[in-house]
N, C-alpha and C. Protein backbone atom coordinates (compact mmCIF):
# COMPACT_ATOMS: atom_id res chain seq x y z
N MET A 1 3.40 5.22 -12.20
CA MET A 1 2.15 5.15 -12.48
C MET A 1 1.46 6.57 -12.65
N LYS A 2 0.34 6.69 -13.08
CA LYS A 2 -0.53 8.03 -13.04
C LYS A 2 -1.57 7.93 -12.22
N TYR A 3 -1.57 9.06 -11.91
CA TYR A 3 -2.92 9.20 -10.86
C TYR A 3 -4.09 8.46 -11.22
N ASN A 4 -4.62 8.75 -12.46
CA ASN A 4 -5.67 8.47 -13.27
C ASN A 4 -5.89 6.76 -13.45
N ASP A 5 -4.56 6.34 -13.32
CA ASP A 5 -4.73 4.66 -13.41
C ASP A 5 -5.37 3.88 -12.50
N PHE A 6 -5.20 4.49 -11.16
CA PHE A 6 -5.92 3.71 -9.84
C PHE A 6 -7.63 4.09 -9.88
N LYS A 7 -8.27 2.87 -9.62
CA LYS A 7 -9.72 2.72 -9.83
C LYS A 7 -10.03 2.41 -8.47
N LEU A 8 -11.27 2.64 -8.07
CA LEU A 8 -12.05 2.05 -6.72
C LEU A 8 -11.91 0.71 -6.95
N GLY A 9 -11.50 -0.03 -5.89
CA GLY A 9 -11.57 -1.75 -5.65
C GLY A 9 -10.02 -2.33 -6.26
N ASN A 10 -9.30 -1.55 -6.63
CA ASN A 10 -7.75 -2.01 -7.19
C ASN A 10 -7.18 -2.59 -5.92
N ILE A 11 -6.48 -3.61 -6.20
CA ILE A 11 -5.55 -4.29 -4.94
C ILE A 11 -4.42 -3.73 -5.52
N VAL A 12 -3.66 -3.05 -4.88
CA VAL A 12 -2.34 -2.44 -5.10
C VAL A 12 -1.29 -3.09 -4.38
N SER A 13 0.13 -2.69 -4.63
CA SER A 13 1.09 -3.21 -3.81
C SER A 13 1.95 -2.05 -3.77
N LEU A 14 2.75 -1.94 -2.34
CA LEU A 14 3.76 -1.02 -2.33
C LEU A 14 4.89 -1.45 -2.54
N LYS A 15 5.87 -1.20 -3.38
CA LYS A 15 7.06 -1.57 -3.76
C LYS A 15 8.37 -1.01 -3.08
N PHE A 16 9.22 -1.79 -2.86
CA PHE A 16 10.57 -1.45 -2.37
C PHE A 16 11.77 -1.15 -3.08
N SER A 17 12.29 -0.15 -3.09
CA SER A 17 13.50 -0.03 -3.82
C SER A 17 13.57 -0.27 -5.32
N LYS A 18 14.77 -0.49 -6.22
CA LYS A 18 14.93 -1.19 -7.24
C LYS A 18 14.43 -2.62 -7.25
N GLN A 19 14.54 -3.29 -6.22
CA GLN A 19 14.27 -4.74 -6.42
C GLN A 19 12.69 -4.64 -6.72
N PHE A 20 11.96 -4.02 -6.44
CA PHE A 20 10.67 -4.10 -6.84
C PHE A 20 9.74 -5.02 -5.75
N LYS A 21 10.46 -5.32 -4.87
CA LYS A 21 9.79 -6.32 -3.78
C LYS A 21 8.57 -5.61 -3.18
N LYS A 22 7.60 -6.49 -3.06
CA LYS A 22 6.02 -6.03 -2.64
C LYS A 22 6.44 -6.03 -0.98
N ILE A 23 6.01 -4.92 -0.33
CA ILE A 23 6.08 -5.07 1.15
C ILE A 23 4.92 -4.76 1.75
N LYS A 24 3.87 -4.44 0.92
CA LYS A 24 2.39 -4.15 1.44
C LYS A 24 1.53 -4.04 0.29
N VAL A 25 0.26 -4.75 0.64
CA VAL A 25 -0.64 -5.08 -0.32
C VAL A 25 -1.98 -4.38 0.38
N GLY A 26 -2.74 -3.72 -0.55
CA GLY A 26 -3.95 -3.22 0.00
C GLY A 26 -4.85 -2.92 -0.84
N ILE A 27 -5.91 -2.32 -0.66
CA ILE A 27 -7.28 -2.00 -1.57
C ILE A 27 -7.37 -0.59 -1.59
N VAL A 28 -7.85 0.14 -2.86
CA VAL A 28 -8.31 1.36 -2.94
C VAL A 28 -9.56 1.42 -2.50
N THR A 29 -9.84 1.99 -1.54
CA THR A 29 -11.18 2.23 -0.73
C THR A 29 -11.89 3.39 -1.09
N ALA A 30 -11.24 4.51 -1.31
CA ALA A 30 -11.83 5.61 -1.68
C ALA A 30 -11.20 6.36 -2.95
N LEU A 31 -11.72 6.95 -3.94
CA LEU A 31 -11.32 7.54 -4.82
C LEU A 31 -12.00 8.89 -5.15
N LYS A 32 -11.26 9.98 -4.79
CA LYS A 32 -11.75 11.28 -4.93
C LYS A 32 -11.02 12.16 -6.09
N LYS A 33 -11.56 13.38 -6.23
CA LYS A 33 -11.03 14.12 -7.54
C LYS A 33 -9.57 14.39 -7.21
N ASP A 34 -9.04 14.67 -6.18
CA ASP A 34 -7.68 14.87 -6.08
C ASP A 34 -6.82 13.92 -5.22
N HIS A 35 -7.35 12.80 -4.61
CA HIS A 35 -6.77 11.83 -4.00
C HIS A 35 -7.57 10.51 -3.98
N PHE A 36 -6.72 9.34 -3.49
CA PHE A 36 -7.48 8.29 -3.24
C PHE A 36 -6.83 7.63 -1.98
N ILE A 37 -7.49 6.68 -1.47
CA ILE A 37 -7.12 5.93 -0.06
C ILE A 37 -7.01 4.55 -0.40
N VAL A 38 -5.91 4.11 0.35
CA VAL A 38 -5.55 2.64 0.10
C VAL A 38 -5.59 2.00 1.77
N LYS A 39 -6.33 1.17 2.04
CA LYS A 39 -6.52 0.30 3.10
C LYS A 39 -5.50 -0.70 2.90
N TRP A 40 -4.32 -0.74 3.75
CA TRP A 40 -3.37 -1.94 3.67
C TRP A 40 -3.93 -3.17 4.55
N ILE A 41 -3.66 -4.24 3.93
CA ILE A 41 -4.20 -5.72 4.23
C ILE A 41 -3.27 -6.53 4.54
N TRP A 42 -2.04 -6.31 4.17
CA TRP A 42 -1.05 -7.21 4.12
C TRP A 42 0.34 -6.64 3.97
N TYR A 43 1.43 -7.24 5.09
CA TYR A 43 2.53 -6.85 4.81
C TYR A 43 3.50 -7.77 4.78
N ASP A 44 4.76 -7.52 4.35
CA ASP A 44 5.92 -8.56 4.44
C ASP A 44 6.48 -8.65 5.81
N LYS A 45 6.14 -9.71 6.60
CA LYS A 45 6.50 -9.89 8.09
C LYS A 45 8.16 -9.74 8.26
N LEU A 46 8.73 -10.56 7.07
CA LEU A 46 10.27 -10.64 7.43
C LEU A 46 10.82 -9.18 7.02
N PHE A 47 10.35 -8.64 6.02
CA PHE A 47 10.83 -7.14 5.73
C PHE A 47 10.76 -6.34 7.04
N PHE A 48 9.67 -6.33 7.54
CA PHE A 48 9.58 -5.36 8.64
C PHE A 48 9.65 -6.00 10.18
N LEU A 49 10.81 -7.05 9.95
CA LEU A 49 11.36 -7.52 11.12
C LEU A 49 10.39 -8.32 12.19
N GLU A 50 9.31 -8.64 11.95
CA GLU A 50 8.35 -9.14 12.97
C GLU A 50 8.81 -10.53 13.43
N ASP A 51 9.91 -11.14 12.71
CA ASP A 51 10.28 -12.48 13.28
C ASP A 51 11.55 -12.01 14.30
N ARG A 52 11.74 -10.83 14.84
CA ARG A 52 12.56 -10.34 15.61
C ARG A 52 12.09 -10.16 16.93
N GLY A 53 10.89 -10.04 17.23
CA GLY A 53 10.45 -10.07 18.48
C GLY A 53 8.91 -9.53 18.57
N GLU A 54 7.93 -9.70 19.68
CA GLU A 54 6.73 -9.46 19.65
C GLU A 54 6.42 -7.97 19.55
N VAL A 55 7.39 -7.28 19.99
CA VAL A 55 7.26 -5.60 20.12
C VAL A 55 7.17 -4.85 18.44
N PHE A 56 8.07 -5.85 17.54
CA PHE A 56 7.55 -5.65 16.36
C PHE A 56 6.32 -5.93 15.63
N ASN A 57 5.71 -7.06 16.04
CA ASN A 57 4.38 -7.61 15.82
C ASN A 57 3.35 -6.66 16.20
N GLU A 58 3.54 -6.09 17.31
CA GLU A 58 2.38 -4.91 17.77
C GLU A 58 2.44 -3.73 17.05
N LEU A 59 3.74 -3.25 16.89
CA LEU A 59 3.82 -2.04 16.09
C LEU A 59 3.26 -2.16 14.82
N ASN A 60 3.92 -3.16 14.17
CA ASN A 60 3.54 -3.36 12.66
C ASN A 60 1.90 -3.69 12.67
N HIS A 61 1.36 -4.20 13.34
CA HIS A 61 -0.10 -4.16 13.23
C HIS A 61 -0.80 -2.64 13.34
N LYS A 62 -0.28 -2.02 14.27
CA LYS A 62 -0.67 -0.76 14.73
C LYS A 62 -0.48 0.34 13.37
N TYR A 63 0.65 0.31 12.87
CA TYR A 63 1.03 1.28 12.19
C TYR A 63 1.07 0.73 10.64
N LEU A 64 1.08 -0.27 10.23
CA LEU A 64 1.13 -0.79 8.83
C LEU A 64 -0.05 -1.10 8.24
N LEU A 65 -0.86 -1.50 8.96
CA LEU A 65 -2.19 -2.09 8.56
C LEU A 65 -3.36 -0.76 8.70
N THR A 66 -2.83 0.38 8.10
CA THR A 66 -3.61 1.62 8.29
C THR A 66 -3.97 2.06 7.03
N GLU A 67 -4.77 3.10 6.71
CA GLU A 67 -4.96 3.76 5.53
C GLU A 67 -4.06 4.64 5.23
N THR A 68 -3.60 4.67 3.80
CA THR A 68 -2.64 5.93 3.47
C THR A 68 -3.52 6.77 2.30
N THR A 69 -3.44 8.27 2.44
CA THR A 69 -4.03 8.97 1.22
C THR A 69 -2.84 9.41 0.30
N TYR A 70 -3.24 9.17 -0.90
CA TYR A 70 -2.26 9.52 -2.06
C TYR A 70 -2.75 10.49 -2.61
N TYR A 71 -2.19 11.82 -2.92
CA TYR A 71 -2.70 12.77 -3.69
C TYR A 71 -2.16 12.73 -5.05
N GLU A 72 -2.99 13.44 -5.93
CA GLU A 72 -3.00 13.63 -7.25
C GLU A 72 -1.61 14.05 -7.74
N ASP A 73 -0.79 14.94 -7.29
CA ASP A 73 0.42 15.53 -7.50
C ASP A 73 1.66 14.65 -7.04
N GLU A 74 1.44 13.54 -6.31
CA GLU A 74 2.39 12.80 -5.50
C GLU A 74 3.13 12.01 -6.47
N TYR A 75 4.47 11.41 -6.22
CA TYR A 75 5.30 10.55 -6.86
C TYR A 75 4.34 9.01 -6.64
N LEU A 76 4.09 8.40 -7.66
CA LEU A 76 3.31 7.22 -7.49
C LEU A 76 3.88 5.92 -8.00
N ASP A 77 5.22 5.99 -8.41
CA ASP A 77 5.98 4.94 -8.75
C ASP A 77 6.14 3.89 -7.99
N CYS A 78 5.94 3.94 -6.59
CA CYS A 78 6.18 2.95 -5.57
C CYS A 78 4.99 2.22 -5.59
N LEU A 79 4.14 2.43 -6.12
CA LEU A 79 2.67 1.63 -6.35
C LEU A 79 2.65 0.68 -7.45
N GLU A 80 1.95 -0.45 -7.27
CA GLU A 80 1.89 -1.22 -8.77
C GLU A 80 0.50 -1.84 -8.37
N ILE A 81 -0.49 -1.58 -9.40
CA ILE A 81 -1.94 -2.03 -9.49
C ILE A 81 -1.74 -3.49 -9.80
N LEU A 82 -2.34 -4.35 -8.90
CA LEU A 82 -2.45 -5.97 -9.12
C LEU A 82 -3.54 -6.54 -9.60
N SER A 83 -4.49 -5.76 -9.35
CA SER A 83 -6.01 -6.23 -9.98
C SER A 83 -6.65 -5.10 -10.85
N CYS A 84 -7.83 -5.23 -11.24
CA CYS A 84 -8.62 -4.51 -11.76
C CYS A 84 -9.57 -4.10 -10.66
N GLY A 85 -10.25 -2.69 -10.92
CA GLY A 85 -11.03 -2.22 -9.84
C GLY A 85 -12.64 -2.74 -10.47
N PHE A 86 -13.34 -2.13 -9.56
CA PHE A 86 -14.86 -1.96 -9.70
C PHE A 86 -15.47 -1.28 -10.89
């Protein structure tokens, strides 16, 4: 994916490996000249071992449902646009 493909309000997924399994889903909440921000709203609980114990649940909520900044010069092939933006 190219940086310019991403628009404000896009629903995006973070893909894992060549399986292209969606492990996180988020929304593009800010779009700037050289970066955009994704607020993660969902993650694959099995992939992130949440069924293995309460400690994983706490860590996952604290660290996976955060915001991530992606810059124009970054490798963005791990992201996939799932919907249209505003």
